[in-house]
Each structure stands twice: as C-alpha cells, then as structure tokens.
Amino acid sequence: MEHKLEFAQRLRDAMAGAGLEPRPGVLLNLFNAHYWGRSVSFQAVSRWLRGEAIPAQDKLLVLAEILRVEPEVLRFGHAVRHRVQEHRKRWDEGVCFQEREVFEAFLSLPAPQRKLVREVILALVQVQAERRE
C-alpha cells in the first residue's frame, strides 16, 4: 500500500510541477486526450491520485510524457534512478575490455550453454564464499 501512496504523491507533485492543479478532472481530460487506448474513468484517475492504484505501464508512459517526467522516476522515484546510475557506474568502471569481450561471447552462446556457464560461475562464487567463512 505504501508504494501506491508514494506513487500518488509523485503524480501530484509532477502535476503541480507541470503547472496543473492535482485534481482528477484535470488529469482525466489531459490523459484521455493523449492516450491511444480505451479512455480511463474519473474513478480510475481518482484512485491514482489517492494512492489506491498504480496505472498499468502503458498508461504510466503516457502520464510521464504528459507531465514531462521520466517514467521510472514517476513510478519509483529518484532513489531508484540513483541506484541504477550507481550500478551502471560500477559496471562501466569495474569491467575491463577483456571481461566485456567474454560477456559478449557468453551472450552469443545458445541458451543451454549459457545456462551451463552461469551454473559454473555461480558454483565458483559459492565455493569462494565458503572459503571466506
């Protein structure tokens, strides 16, 4: 339930940031004017803004576009973006050319061989962890 409430707050904040009054009627008209699928109801939009529901991914993308925010930030907040950037930075700085070459080779293998390689690597990691204990 907390995730829904946090989403609702981000949605209201994004609406205010876009110069919109965070009311269901305002969002309903704007959303339905931009959404390519079946129109959403006043009740659905109200539930988004009250923290009772989170829209499906296709609707979330439209909301993000309308409100000019990144979809992942609207859905999960800035903390998730920061964690992704930190992970990406670690990946970029911690992996050398040779390791990237091995990853590319791994990805070119058929699925059964990738599974075997993955199991070997995980077994080696487990053995290493047991040695540290």
C-alpha atoms as a PDB file:
ATOM      1  CA  MET A   1       0.000   0.000   0.000  1.00  0.00           C
ATOM      2  CA  GLU A   2       2.873   2.365   0.787  1.00  0.00           C
ATOM      3  CA  HIS A   3       4.124   2.140  -2.815  1.00  0.00           C
ATOM      4  CA  LYS A   4       0.757   3.294  -4.074  1.00  0.00           C
ATOM      5  CA  LEU A   5       0.718   6.259  -1.718  1.00  0.00           C
ATOM      6  CA  GLU A   6       4.251   7.213  -2.725  1.00  0.00           C
ATOM      7  CA  PHE A   7       3.284   6.979  -6.393  1.00  0.00           C
ATOM      8  CA  ALA A   8       0.248   9.185  -5.775  1.00  0.00           C
ATOM      9  CA  GLN A   9       2.443  11.815  -4.158  1.00  0.00           C
ATOM     10  CA  ARG A  10       4.888  11.740  -7.077  1.00  0.00           C
ATOM     11  CA  LEU A  11       1.965  12.032  -9.506  1.00  0.00           C
ATOM     12  CA  ARG A  12       0.525  15.026  -7.659  1.00  0.00           C
ATOM     13  CA  ASP A  13       3.967  16.630  -7.470  1.00  0.00           C
ATOM     14  CA  ALA A  14       4.520  16.067 -11.202  1.00  0.00           C
ATOM     15  CA  MET A  15       1.157  17.634 -11.970  1.00  0.00           C
ATOM     16  CA  ALA A  16       1.997  20.665  -9.835  1.00  0.00           C
ATOM     17  CA  GLY A  17       5.426  20.850 -11.471  1.00  0.00           C
ATOM     18  CA  ALA A  18       3.735  20.923 -14.865  1.00  0.00           C
ATOM     19  CA  GLY A  19       1.549  23.812 -13.723  1.00  0.00           C
ATOM     20  CA  LEU A  20      -1.557  21.683 -13.308  1.00  0.00           C
ATOM     21  CA  GLU A  21      -3.902  21.544 -10.369  1.00  0.00           C
ATOM     22  CA  PRO A  22      -3.637  17.985  -8.959  1.00  0.00           C
ATOM     23  CA  ARG A  23      -7.299  17.135  -9.363  1.00  0.00           C
ATOM     24  CA  PRO A  24      -8.823  14.060 -11.018  1.00  0.00           C
ATOM     25  CA  GLY A  25     -10.843  16.047 -13.558  1.00  0.00           C
ATOM     26  CA  VAL A  26      -7.771  17.901 -14.789  1.00  0.00           C
ATOM     27  CA  LEU A  27      -5.734  14.727 -15.200  1.00  0.00           C
ATOM     28  CA  LEU A  28      -8.643  12.798 -16.701  1.00  0.00           C
ATOM     29  CA  ASN A  29      -9.151  15.227 -19.575  1.00  0.00           C
ATOM     30  CA  LEU A  30      -5.447  15.586 -20.286  1.00  0.00           C
ATOM     31  CA  PHE A  31      -4.772  11.864 -20.087  1.00  0.00           C
ATOM     32  CA  ASN A  32      -7.668  10.779 -22.300  1.00  0.00           C
ATOM     33  CA  ALA A  33      -6.692  13.377 -24.905  1.00  0.00           C
ATOM     34  CA  HIS A  34      -3.242  11.748 -25.217  1.00  0.00           C
ATOM     35  CA  TYR A  35      -3.927   8.061 -24.586  1.00  0.00           C
ATOM     36  CA  TRP A  36      -4.330   5.860 -27.675  1.00  0.00           C
ATOM     37  CA  GLY A  37      -6.279   3.142 -25.895  1.00  0.00           C
ATOM     38  CA  ARG A  38      -9.670   2.990 -24.257  1.00  0.00           C
ATOM     39  CA  SER A  39     -10.438   6.074 -22.184  1.00  0.00           C
ATOM     40  CA  VAL A  40      -9.957   5.806 -18.441  1.00  0.00           C
ATOM     41  CA  SER A  41     -12.674   6.716 -15.980  1.00  0.00           C
ATOM     42  CA  PHE A  42     -12.812   9.500 -13.441  1.00  0.00           C
ATOM     43  CA  GLN A  43     -12.742   6.815 -10.734  1.00  0.00           C
ATOM     44  CA  ALA A  44      -9.526   5.296 -12.104  1.00  0.00           C
ATOM     45  CA  VAL A  45      -7.742   8.637 -12.157  1.00  0.00           C
ATOM     46  CA  SER A  46      -9.069   9.409  -8.670  1.00  0.00           C
ATOM     47  CA  ARG A  47      -7.638   6.120  -7.422  1.00  0.00           C
ATOM     48  CA  TRP A  48      -4.211   7.019  -8.888  1.00  0.00           C
ATOM     49  CA  LEU A  49      -4.222  10.381  -7.141  1.00  0.00           C
ATOM     50  CA  ARG A  50      -5.440   8.953  -3.794  1.00  0.00           C
ATOM     51  CA  GLY A  51      -2.849   6.189  -3.739  1.00  0.00           C
ATOM     52  CA  GLU A  52      -5.290   3.335  -4.181  1.00  0.00           C
ATOM     53  CA  ALA A  53      -3.949   2.131  -7.524  1.00  0.00           C
ATOM     54  CA  ILE A  54      -0.967   2.426  -9.836  1.00  0.00           C
ATOM     55  CA  PRO A  55      -1.670   2.633 -13.564  1.00  0.00           C
ATOM     56  CA  ALA A  56      -0.514  -0.049 -15.971  1.00  0.00           C
ATOM     57  CA  GLN A  57       2.777   0.519 -17.781  1.00  0.00           C
ATOM     58  CA  ASP A  58       1.216   1.836 -20.999  1.00  0.00           C
ATOM     59  CA  LYS A  59      -0.743   4.421 -19.039  1.00  0.00           C
ATOM     60  CA  LEU A  60       2.284   5.299 -16.923  1.00  0.00           C
ATOM     61  CA  LEU A  61       4.265   6.078 -20.066  1.00  0.00           C
ATOM     62  CA  VAL A  62       1.552   8.451 -21.261  1.00  0.00           C
ATOM     63  CA  LEU A  63       1.376  10.141 -17.855  1.00  0.00           C
ATOM     64  CA  ALA A  64       5.139  10.616 -17.839  1.00  0.00           C
ATOM     65  CA  GLU A  65       5.084  12.101 -21.324  1.00  0.00           C
ATOM     66  CA  ILE A  66       2.230  14.469 -20.478  1.00  0.00           C
ATOM     67  CA  LEU A  67       3.865  15.605 -17.246  1.00  0.00           C
ATOM     68  CA  ARG A  68       7.369  15.724 -18.760  1.00  0.00           C
ATOM     69  CA  VAL A  69       8.976  13.410 -16.213  1.00  0.00           C
ATOM     70  CA  GLU A  70      10.858  10.178 -16.728  1.00  0.00           C
ATOM     71  CA  PRO A  71       8.580   7.136 -16.414  1.00  0.00           C
ATOM     72  CA  GLU A  72      10.872   5.357 -13.951  1.00  0.00           C
ATOM     73  CA  VAL A  73      11.032   8.440 -11.725  1.00  0.00           C
ATOM     74  CA  LEU A  74       7.254   8.815 -11.787  1.00  0.00           C
ATOM     75  CA  ARG A  75       6.757   5.148 -10.944  1.00  0.00           C
ATOM     76  CA  PHE A  76       9.599   4.557  -8.475  1.00  0.00           C
ATOM     77  CA  GLY A  77      11.067   7.939  -7.513  1.00  0.00           C
ATOM     78  CA  HIS A  78      14.517   9.452  -7.800  1.00  0.00           C
ATOM     79  CA  ALA A  79      16.119   6.918  -5.425  1.00  0.00           C
ATOM     80  CA  VAL A  80      15.713   4.118  -7.958  1.00  0.00           C
ATOM     81  CA  ARG A  81      17.285   6.225 -10.685  1.00  0.00           C
ATOM     82  CA  HIS A  82      20.235   6.952  -8.399  1.00  0.00           C
ATOM     83  CA  ARG A  83      20.715   3.245  -7.643  1.00  0.00           C
ATOM     84  CA  VAL A  84      20.600   2.402 -11.349  1.00  0.00           C
ATOM     85  CA  GLN A  85      23.160   5.108 -12.129  1.00  0.00           C
ATOM     86  CA  GLU A  86      25.440   3.861  -9.342  1.00  0.00           C
ATOM     87  CA  HIS A  87      25.151   0.316 -10.635  1.00  0.00           C
ATOM     88  CA  ARG A  88      25.870   1.459 -14.186  1.00  0.00           C
ATOM     89  CA  LYS A  89      28.876   3.471 -12.977  1.00  0.00           C
ATOM     90  CA  ARG A  90      30.217   0.418 -11.139  1.00  0.00           C
ATOM     91  CA  TRP A  91      29.744  -1.640 -14.287  1.00  0.00           C
ATOM     92  CA  ASP A  92      31.435   0.932 -16.515  1.00  0.00           C
ATOM     93  CA  GLU A  93      34.392   1.443 -14.197  1.00  0.00           C
ATOM     94  CA  GLY A  94      34.791  -2.114 -12.926  1.00  0.00           C
ATOM     95  CA  VAL A  95      34.743  -4.119 -16.132  1.00  0.00           C
ATOM     96  CA  CYS A  96      37.726  -4.108 -18.454  1.00  0.00           C
ATOM     97  CA  PHE A  97      37.769  -4.760 -22.192  1.00  0.00           C
ATOM     98  CA  GLN A  98      38.648  -8.445 -21.825  1.00  0.00           C
ATOM     99  CA  GLU A  99      35.738  -9.054 -19.473  1.00  0.00           C
ATOM    100  CA  ARG A 100      33.364  -7.259 -21.819  1.00  0.00           C
ATOM    101  CA  GLU A 101      34.646  -9.458 -24.635  1.00  0.00           C
ATOM    102  CA  VAL A 102      33.843 -12.538 -22.541  1.00  0.00           C
ATOM    103  CA  PHE A 103      30.337 -11.202 -21.779  1.00  0.00           C
ATOM    104  CA  GLU A 104      29.702 -10.653 -25.487  1.00  0.00           C
ATOM    105  CA  ALA A 105      30.880 -14.193 -26.225  1.00  0.00           C
ATOM    106  CA  PHE A 106      28.627 -15.509 -23.446  1.00  0.00           C
ATOM    107  CA  LEU A 107      25.623 -13.711 -24.940  1.00  0.00           C
ATOM    108  CA  SER A 108      26.307 -15.259 -28.336  1.00  0.00           C
ATOM    109  CA  LEU A 109      26.045 -18.794 -26.923  1.00  0.00           C
ATOM    110  CA  PRO A 110      22.833 -20.810 -27.265  1.00  0.00           C
ATOM    111  CA  ALA A 111      20.607 -20.785 -24.162  1.00  0.00           C
ATOM    112  CA  PRO A 112      21.600 -24.269 -22.883  1.00  0.00           C
ATOM    113  CA  GLN A 113      25.300 -23.371 -22.998  1.00  0.00           C
ATOM    114  CA  ARG A 114      24.659 -20.015 -21.295  1.00  0.00           C
ATOM    115  CA  LYS A 115      22.841 -21.899 -18.551  1.00  0.00           C
ATOM    116  CA  LEU A 116      25.795 -24.227 -18.079  1.00  0.00           C
ATOM    117  CA  VAL A 117      28.290 -21.343 -17.930  1.00  0.00           C
ATOM    118  CA  ARG A 118      26.041 -19.493 -15.473  1.00  0.00           C
ATOM    119  CA  GLU A 119      25.865 -22.582 -13.213  1.00  0.00           C
ATOM    120  CA  VAL A 120      29.665 -22.982 -13.288  1.00  0.00           C
ATOM    121  CA  ILE A 121      30.184 -19.324 -12.355  1.00  0.00           C
ATOM    122  CA  LEU A 122      27.642 -19.488  -9.526  1.00  0.00           C
ATOM    123  CA  ALA A 123      29.269 -22.669  -8.191  1.00  0.00           C
ATOM    124  CA  LEU A 124      32.680 -20.952  -8.205  1.00  0.00           C
ATOM    125  CA  VAL A 125      31.229 -17.960  -6.361  1.00  0.00           C
ATOM    126  CA  GLN A 126      29.674 -20.242  -3.757  1.00  0.00           C
ATOM    127  CA  VAL A 127      32.977 -22.072  -3.190  1.00  0.00           C
ATOM    128  CA  GLN A 128      34.774 -18.737  -2.827  1.00  0.00           C
ATOM    129  CA  ALA A 129      32.199 -17.503  -0.310  1.00  0.00           C
ATOM    130  CA  GLU A 130      32.564 -20.692   1.747  1.00  0.00           C
ATOM    131  CA  ARG A 131      36.353 -20.269   1.828  1.00  0.00           C
ATOM    132  CA  ARG A 132      35.962 -16.764   3.256  1.00  0.00           C
ATOM    133  CA  GLU A 133      33.866 -18.033   6.156  1.00  0.00           C
END
